[in-house]
């Protein structure tokens, strides 16, 4: 994998339950792995629902395999600071592919979290 194609910085996060001090828990996301990635938009959809336009898109994200440091699963999510708009975007992981089966890279199919 050529390093020049990994031009985006992403963070993988996992869901944690944080005590709110009153006996219940609040869902929070903790950063667990930061790396460089390639991001491609696969398709986008627009939907008009109750007079509100909703836009969603599916993406493919490629990273170097984290080896033994982390087992990436669909329970994780991806955090990405979009350099064009300056906004932080979050992606839910739909599937994870190890394309060459040699643990060199991972490809994730993700969709934007709403």
N, C-alpha and C. Protein backbone atom coordinates (compact mmCIF):
# COMPACT_ATOMS: atom_id res chain seq x y z
N UNK A 1 0.84 -1.17 0.00
CA UNK A 1 0.00 0.00 0.00
C UNK A 1 0.89 1.23 0.00
N UNK A 2 0.63 2.14 -0.91
CA UNK A 2 1.42 3.36 -1.00
C UNK A 2 0.98 4.36 0.06
N UNK A 3 1.94 4.89 0.79
CA UNK A 3 1.64 5.82 1.88
C UNK A 3 1.01 7.11 1.37
N UNK A 4 1.30 7.50 0.14
CA UNK A 4 0.76 8.74 -0.40
C UNK A 4 -0.74 8.74 -0.55
N UNK A 5 -1.35 7.57 -0.65
CA UNK A 5 -2.81 7.50 -0.78
C UNK A 5 -3.51 7.65 0.57
N UNK A 6 -2.77 7.51 1.65
CA UNK A 6 -3.35 7.62 2.99
C UNK A 6 -3.25 9.07 3.46
N UNK A 7 -4.08 9.93 2.89
CA UNK A 7 -3.93 11.35 3.15
C UNK A 7 -4.89 11.91 4.20
N UNK A 8 -5.78 11.09 4.72
CA UNK A 8 -6.72 11.55 5.74
C UNK A 8 -6.34 10.95 7.09
N UNK A 9 -6.57 11.71 8.14
CA UNK A 9 -6.33 11.21 9.48
C UNK A 9 -7.68 10.87 10.10
N UNK A 10 -7.80 9.64 10.59
CA UNK A 10 -9.04 9.21 11.22
C UNK A 10 -8.74 8.68 12.62
N UNK A 11 -9.79 8.56 13.40
CA UNK A 11 -9.70 7.97 14.73
C UNK A 11 -10.79 6.92 14.85
N UNK A 12 -10.42 5.72 15.26
CA UNK A 12 -11.42 4.69 15.57
C UNK A 12 -11.83 4.87 17.02
N UNK A 13 -13.13 4.79 17.25
CA UNK A 13 -13.67 4.96 18.59
C UNK A 13 -14.50 3.75 18.97
N UNK A 14 -14.55 3.49 20.29
CA UNK A 14 -15.43 2.43 20.76
C UNK A 14 -16.36 2.98 21.82
N UNK A 15 -17.53 2.39 21.89
CA UNK A 15 -18.56 2.86 22.81
C UNK A 15 -18.25 2.42 24.22
N UNK A 16 -18.39 3.34 25.15
CA UNK A 16 -18.19 3.03 26.56
C UNK A 16 -19.39 3.55 27.35
N UNK A 17 -19.67 2.90 28.45
CA UNK A 17 -20.74 3.37 29.34
C UNK A 17 -20.09 4.12 30.49
N UNK A 18 -20.50 5.36 30.67
CA UNK A 18 -19.95 6.21 31.72
C UNK A 18 -21.02 6.43 32.78
N UNK A 19 -20.65 6.22 34.02
CA UNK A 19 -21.60 6.43 35.12
C UNK A 19 -21.92 7.91 35.24
N UNK A 20 -23.21 8.20 35.41
CA UNK A 20 -23.59 9.60 35.56
C UNK A 20 -23.68 10.02 37.03
N UNK A 21 -23.29 9.12 37.94
CA UNK A 21 -23.28 9.42 39.36
C UNK A 21 -24.63 9.27 40.04
N UNK A 22 -25.65 8.93 39.29
CA UNK A 22 -26.99 8.78 39.85
C UNK A 22 -27.54 7.37 39.65
N UNK A 23 -26.65 6.43 39.40
CA UNK A 23 -27.06 5.04 39.27
C UNK A 23 -27.31 4.57 37.85
N UNK A 24 -27.27 5.45 36.89
CA UNK A 24 -27.44 5.01 35.51
C UNK A 24 -26.20 5.36 34.71
N UNK A 25 -26.23 5.01 33.45
CA UNK A 25 -25.05 5.17 32.61
C UNK A 25 -25.37 6.02 31.39
N UNK A 26 -24.36 6.73 30.94
CA UNK A 26 -24.45 7.54 29.73
C UNK A 26 -23.51 6.94 28.69
N UNK A 27 -23.97 6.90 27.45
CA UNK A 27 -23.14 6.37 26.37
C UNK A 27 -22.13 7.44 25.96
N UNK A 28 -20.88 7.03 25.88
CA UNK A 28 -19.81 7.93 25.43
C UNK A 28 -18.93 7.15 24.46
N UNK A 29 -18.16 7.87 23.66
CA UNK A 29 -17.24 7.24 22.71
C UNK A 29 -15.82 7.60 23.08
N UNK A 30 -14.96 6.60 23.17
CA UNK A 30 -13.55 6.80 23.54
C UNK A 30 -12.66 6.50 22.34
N UNK A 31 -11.66 7.37 22.12
CA UNK A 31 -10.69 7.15 21.05
C UNK A 31 -9.81 5.96 21.41
N UNK A 32 -9.66 5.00 20.47
CA UNK A 32 -8.84 3.83 20.75
C UNK A 32 -7.69 3.64 19.75
N UNK A 33 -7.79 4.27 18.56
CA UNK A 33 -6.75 4.06 17.55
C UNK A 33 -6.79 5.20 16.55
N UNK A 34 -5.65 5.83 16.33
CA UNK A 34 -5.54 6.92 15.38
C UNK A 34 -4.62 6.47 14.25
N UNK A 35 -4.99 6.76 12.99
CA UNK A 35 -4.18 6.32 11.86
C UNK A 35 -4.49 7.16 10.63
N UNK A 36 -3.73 6.91 9.56
CA UNK A 36 -3.93 7.55 8.28
C UNK A 36 -4.83 6.64 7.43
N UNK A 37 -5.63 7.25 6.54
CA UNK A 37 -6.59 6.47 5.77
C UNK A 37 -6.84 7.08 4.40
N UNK A 38 -7.37 6.26 3.51
CA UNK A 38 -7.92 6.71 2.23
C UNK A 38 -9.43 6.60 2.36
N UNK A 39 -10.14 7.61 1.86
CA UNK A 39 -11.60 7.63 1.96
C UNK A 39 -12.19 7.89 0.58
N UNK A 40 -13.13 7.04 0.15
CA UNK A 40 -13.83 7.19 -1.11
C UNK A 40 -15.33 7.20 -0.85
N UNK A 41 -16.04 8.06 -1.53
CA UNK A 41 -17.50 8.04 -1.48
C UNK A 41 -17.98 7.01 -2.50
N UNK A 42 -18.83 6.10 -2.04
CA UNK A 42 -19.35 5.06 -2.93
C UNK A 42 -20.66 5.49 -3.57
N UNK A 43 -21.59 5.97 -2.75
CA UNK A 43 -22.85 6.50 -3.29
C UNK A 43 -23.47 7.44 -2.27
N UNK A 44 -24.38 8.25 -2.75
CA UNK A 44 -25.06 9.21 -1.88
C UNK A 44 -26.55 9.18 -2.18
N UNK A 45 -27.34 9.46 -1.17
CA UNK A 45 -28.79 9.45 -1.31
C UNK A 45 -29.37 10.71 -0.67
N UNK A 46 -30.41 11.22 -1.26
CA UNK A 46 -31.14 12.33 -0.68
C UNK A 46 -32.57 11.86 -0.45
N UNK A 47 -33.14 12.31 0.66
CA UNK A 47 -34.50 11.92 0.98
C UNK A 47 -35.21 13.10 1.61
N UNK A 48 -36.40 13.38 1.13
CA UNK A 48 -37.20 14.45 1.71
C UNK A 48 -38.18 13.81 2.66
N UNK A 49 -38.01 14.10 3.95
CA UNK A 49 -38.84 13.49 4.98
C UNK A 49 -39.36 14.60 5.89
N UNK A 50 -40.66 14.72 5.98
CA UNK A 50 -41.31 15.74 6.79
C UNK A 50 -40.71 17.12 6.55
N UNK A 51 -40.60 17.45 5.26
CA UNK A 51 -40.12 18.76 4.82
C UNK A 51 -38.68 19.04 5.25
N UNK A 52 -37.92 18.00 5.49
CA UNK A 52 -36.51 18.16 5.85
C UNK A 52 -35.69 17.28 4.91
N UNK A 53 -34.71 17.87 4.27
CA UNK A 53 -33.87 17.12 3.35
C UNK A 53 -32.80 16.38 4.14
N UNK A 54 -32.77 15.06 4.00
CA UNK A 54 -31.75 14.25 4.65
C UNK A 54 -30.82 13.69 3.59
N UNK A 55 -29.53 13.86 3.79
CA UNK A 55 -28.53 13.37 2.85
C UNK A 55 -27.69 12.32 3.57
N UNK A 56 -27.50 11.17 2.94
CA UNK A 56 -26.64 10.15 3.52
C UNK A 56 -25.73 9.62 2.42
N UNK A 57 -24.59 9.12 2.84
CA UNK A 57 -23.63 8.62 1.86
C UNK A 57 -22.91 7.41 2.44
N UNK A 58 -22.57 6.48 1.56
CA UNK A 58 -21.75 5.34 1.93
C UNK A 58 -20.33 5.61 1.46
N UNK A 59 -19.36 5.19 2.26
CA UNK A 59 -17.95 5.42 1.95
C UNK A 59 -17.17 4.12 2.12
N UNK A 60 -16.02 4.09 1.49
CA UNK A 60 -15.05 3.02 1.71
C UNK A 60 -13.82 3.66 2.32
N UNK A 61 -13.35 3.10 3.42
CA UNK A 61 -12.16 3.62 4.11
C UNK A 61 -11.12 2.51 4.14
N UNK A 62 -9.91 2.84 3.71
CA UNK A 62 -8.81 1.87 3.73
C UNK A 62 -7.73 2.36 4.70
N UNK A 63 -7.28 1.46 5.58
CA UNK A 63 -6.22 1.77 6.53
C UNK A 63 -5.20 0.63 6.53
N UNK A 64 -4.03 0.93 7.06
CA UNK A 64 -3.08 -0.16 7.31
C UNK A 64 -3.65 -1.01 8.45
N UNK A 65 -3.40 -2.30 8.39
CA UNK A 65 -3.92 -3.20 9.43
C UNK A 65 -3.29 -2.85 10.77
N UNK A 66 -4.10 -2.70 11.82
CA UNK A 66 -3.52 -2.34 13.13
C UNK A 66 -2.76 -3.46 13.82
N UNK A 67 -2.64 -4.61 13.17
CA UNK A 67 -1.91 -5.77 13.71
C UNK A 67 -2.49 -6.17 15.07
N UNK A 68 -1.65 -6.31 16.07
CA UNK A 68 -2.11 -6.83 17.36
C UNK A 68 -2.66 -5.74 18.27
N UNK A 69 -2.57 -4.47 17.87
CA UNK A 69 -2.99 -3.41 18.78
C UNK A 69 -4.49 -3.31 18.94
N UNK A 70 -5.25 -3.71 17.93
CA UNK A 70 -6.69 -3.53 17.99
C UNK A 70 -7.39 -4.51 17.06
N UNK A 71 -8.46 -5.11 17.53
CA UNK A 71 -9.34 -5.92 16.69
C UNK A 71 -10.49 -5.02 16.27
N UNK A 72 -10.49 -4.56 15.04
CA UNK A 72 -11.51 -3.65 14.54
C UNK A 72 -12.78 -4.45 14.27
N UNK A 73 -13.91 -4.00 14.81
CA UNK A 73 -15.19 -4.66 14.62
C UNK A 73 -16.25 -3.63 14.22
N UNK A 74 -17.43 -4.12 13.92
CA UNK A 74 -18.54 -3.24 13.57
C UNK A 74 -19.04 -2.43 14.76
N UNK A 75 -18.58 -2.76 15.96
CA UNK A 75 -18.97 -2.00 17.15
C UNK A 75 -18.21 -0.68 17.25
N UNK A 76 -17.15 -0.54 16.50
CA UNK A 76 -16.39 0.71 16.48
C UNK A 76 -17.07 1.71 15.54
N UNK A 77 -16.64 2.95 15.64
CA UNK A 77 -17.05 3.95 14.66
C UNK A 77 -15.82 4.77 14.27
N UNK A 78 -15.92 5.48 13.15
CA UNK A 78 -14.82 6.26 12.63
C UNK A 78 -15.13 7.74 12.82
N UNK A 79 -14.14 8.46 13.33
CA UNK A 79 -14.24 9.92 13.48
C UNK A 79 -13.25 10.54 12.49
N UNK A 80 -13.72 11.52 11.72
CA UNK A 80 -12.90 12.13 10.67
C UNK A 80 -13.16 13.62 10.61
N UNK A 81 -12.10 14.41 10.63
CA UNK A 81 -12.22 15.85 10.45
C UNK A 81 -12.10 16.14 8.96
N UNK A 82 -13.21 16.55 8.35
CA UNK A 82 -13.23 16.84 6.91
C UNK A 82 -12.43 18.10 6.64
N UNK A 83 -11.32 18.00 5.89
CA UNK A 83 -10.47 19.17 5.67
C UNK A 83 -11.12 20.23 4.79
N UNK A 84 -12.10 19.86 3.99
CA UNK A 84 -12.75 20.82 3.10
C UNK A 84 -13.74 21.69 3.87
N UNK A 85 -14.61 21.07 4.65
CA UNK A 85 -15.63 21.82 5.37
C UNK A 85 -15.21 22.20 6.78
N UNK A 86 -14.19 21.52 7.31
CA UNK A 86 -13.75 21.80 8.68
C UNK A 86 -14.65 21.21 9.74
N UNK A 87 -15.56 20.32 9.35
CA UNK A 87 -16.47 19.71 10.30
C UNK A 87 -16.02 18.28 10.63
N UNK A 88 -16.38 17.83 11.80
CA UNK A 88 -16.09 16.46 12.21
C UNK A 88 -17.25 15.58 11.78
N UNK A 89 -16.92 14.48 11.10
CA UNK A 89 -17.93 13.53 10.66
C UNK A 89 -17.70 12.19 11.35
N UNK A 90 -18.79 11.51 11.60
CA UNK A 90 -18.74 10.20 12.24
C UNK A 90 -19.36 9.17 11.29
N UNK A 91 -18.74 8.00 11.23
CA UNK A 91 -19.19 6.93 10.34
C UNK A 91 -19.42 5.66 11.14
N UNK A 92 -20.56 5.01 10.89
CA UNK A 92 -20.84 3.69 11.44
C UNK A 92 -20.24 2.65 10.51
N UNK A 93 -19.57 1.67 11.07
CA UNK A 93 -18.94 0.62 10.27
C UNK A 93 -19.99 -0.45 9.94
N UNK A 94 -20.15 -0.70 8.64
CA UNK A 94 -21.10 -1.71 8.18
C UNK A 94 -20.41 -3.05 8.01
N UNK A 95 -19.24 -3.04 7.35
CA UNK A 95 -18.49 -4.28 7.17
C UNK A 95 -17.00 -3.98 7.11
N UNK A 96 -16.23 -5.02 7.42
CA UNK A 96 -14.77 -4.91 7.44
C UNK A 96 -14.22 -6.03 6.56
N UNK A 97 -13.29 -5.65 5.67
CA UNK A 97 -12.74 -6.61 4.72
C UNK A 97 -11.22 -6.60 4.86
N UNK A 98 -10.63 -7.78 4.91
CA UNK A 98 -9.18 -7.93 4.88
C UNK A 98 -8.85 -8.44 3.48
N UNK A 99 -8.65 -7.52 2.49
CA UNK A 99 -8.65 -7.92 1.08
C UNK A 99 -7.60 -8.94 0.67
N UNK A 100 -6.41 -8.85 1.18
CA UNK A 100 -5.38 -9.79 0.72
C UNK A 100 -5.16 -10.94 1.70
N UNK A 101 -5.88 -10.94 2.80
CA UNK A 101 -5.77 -12.00 3.84
C UNK A 101 -4.37 -12.11 4.42
N UNK A 102 -3.54 -11.06 4.25
CA UNK A 102 -2.20 -11.08 4.83
C UNK A 102 -2.05 -10.04 5.93
N UNK A 103 -3.16 -9.46 6.35
CA UNK A 103 -3.18 -8.46 7.41
C UNK A 103 -2.31 -7.25 7.09
N UNK A 104 -2.28 -6.84 5.81
CA UNK A 104 -1.56 -5.63 5.44
C UNK A 104 -2.47 -4.41 5.50
N UNK A 105 -3.75 -4.58 5.15
CA UNK A 105 -4.67 -3.47 5.14
C UNK A 105 -6.07 -3.95 5.50
N UNK A 106 -6.90 -3.00 5.91
CA UNK A 106 -8.31 -3.26 6.15
C UNK A 106 -9.12 -2.27 5.32
N UNK A 107 -10.21 -2.74 4.77
CA UNK A 107 -11.16 -1.86 4.09
C UNK A 107 -12.46 -1.94 4.86
N UNK A 108 -13.02 -0.78 5.12
CA UNK A 108 -14.28 -0.71 5.85
C UNK A 108 -15.33 -0.04 4.97
N UNK A 109 -16.50 -0.62 4.89
CA UNK A 109 -17.64 0.02 4.26
C UNK A 109 -18.40 0.70 5.41
N UNK A 110 -18.59 2.01 5.29
CA UNK A 110 -19.19 2.78 6.38
C UNK A 110 -20.29 3.67 5.83
N UNK A 111 -21.19 4.11 6.71
CA UNK A 111 -22.14 5.14 6.34
C UNK A 111 -22.10 6.25 7.38
N UNK A 112 -22.47 7.44 6.95
CA UNK A 112 -22.41 8.58 7.85
C UNK A 112 -23.44 8.42 8.96
N UNK A 113 -22.98 8.65 10.19
CA UNK A 113 -23.88 8.59 11.34
C UNK A 113 -24.68 9.88 11.36
N UNK A 114 -25.94 9.76 11.76
CA UNK A 114 -26.79 10.95 11.82
C UNK A 114 -26.94 11.43 13.23
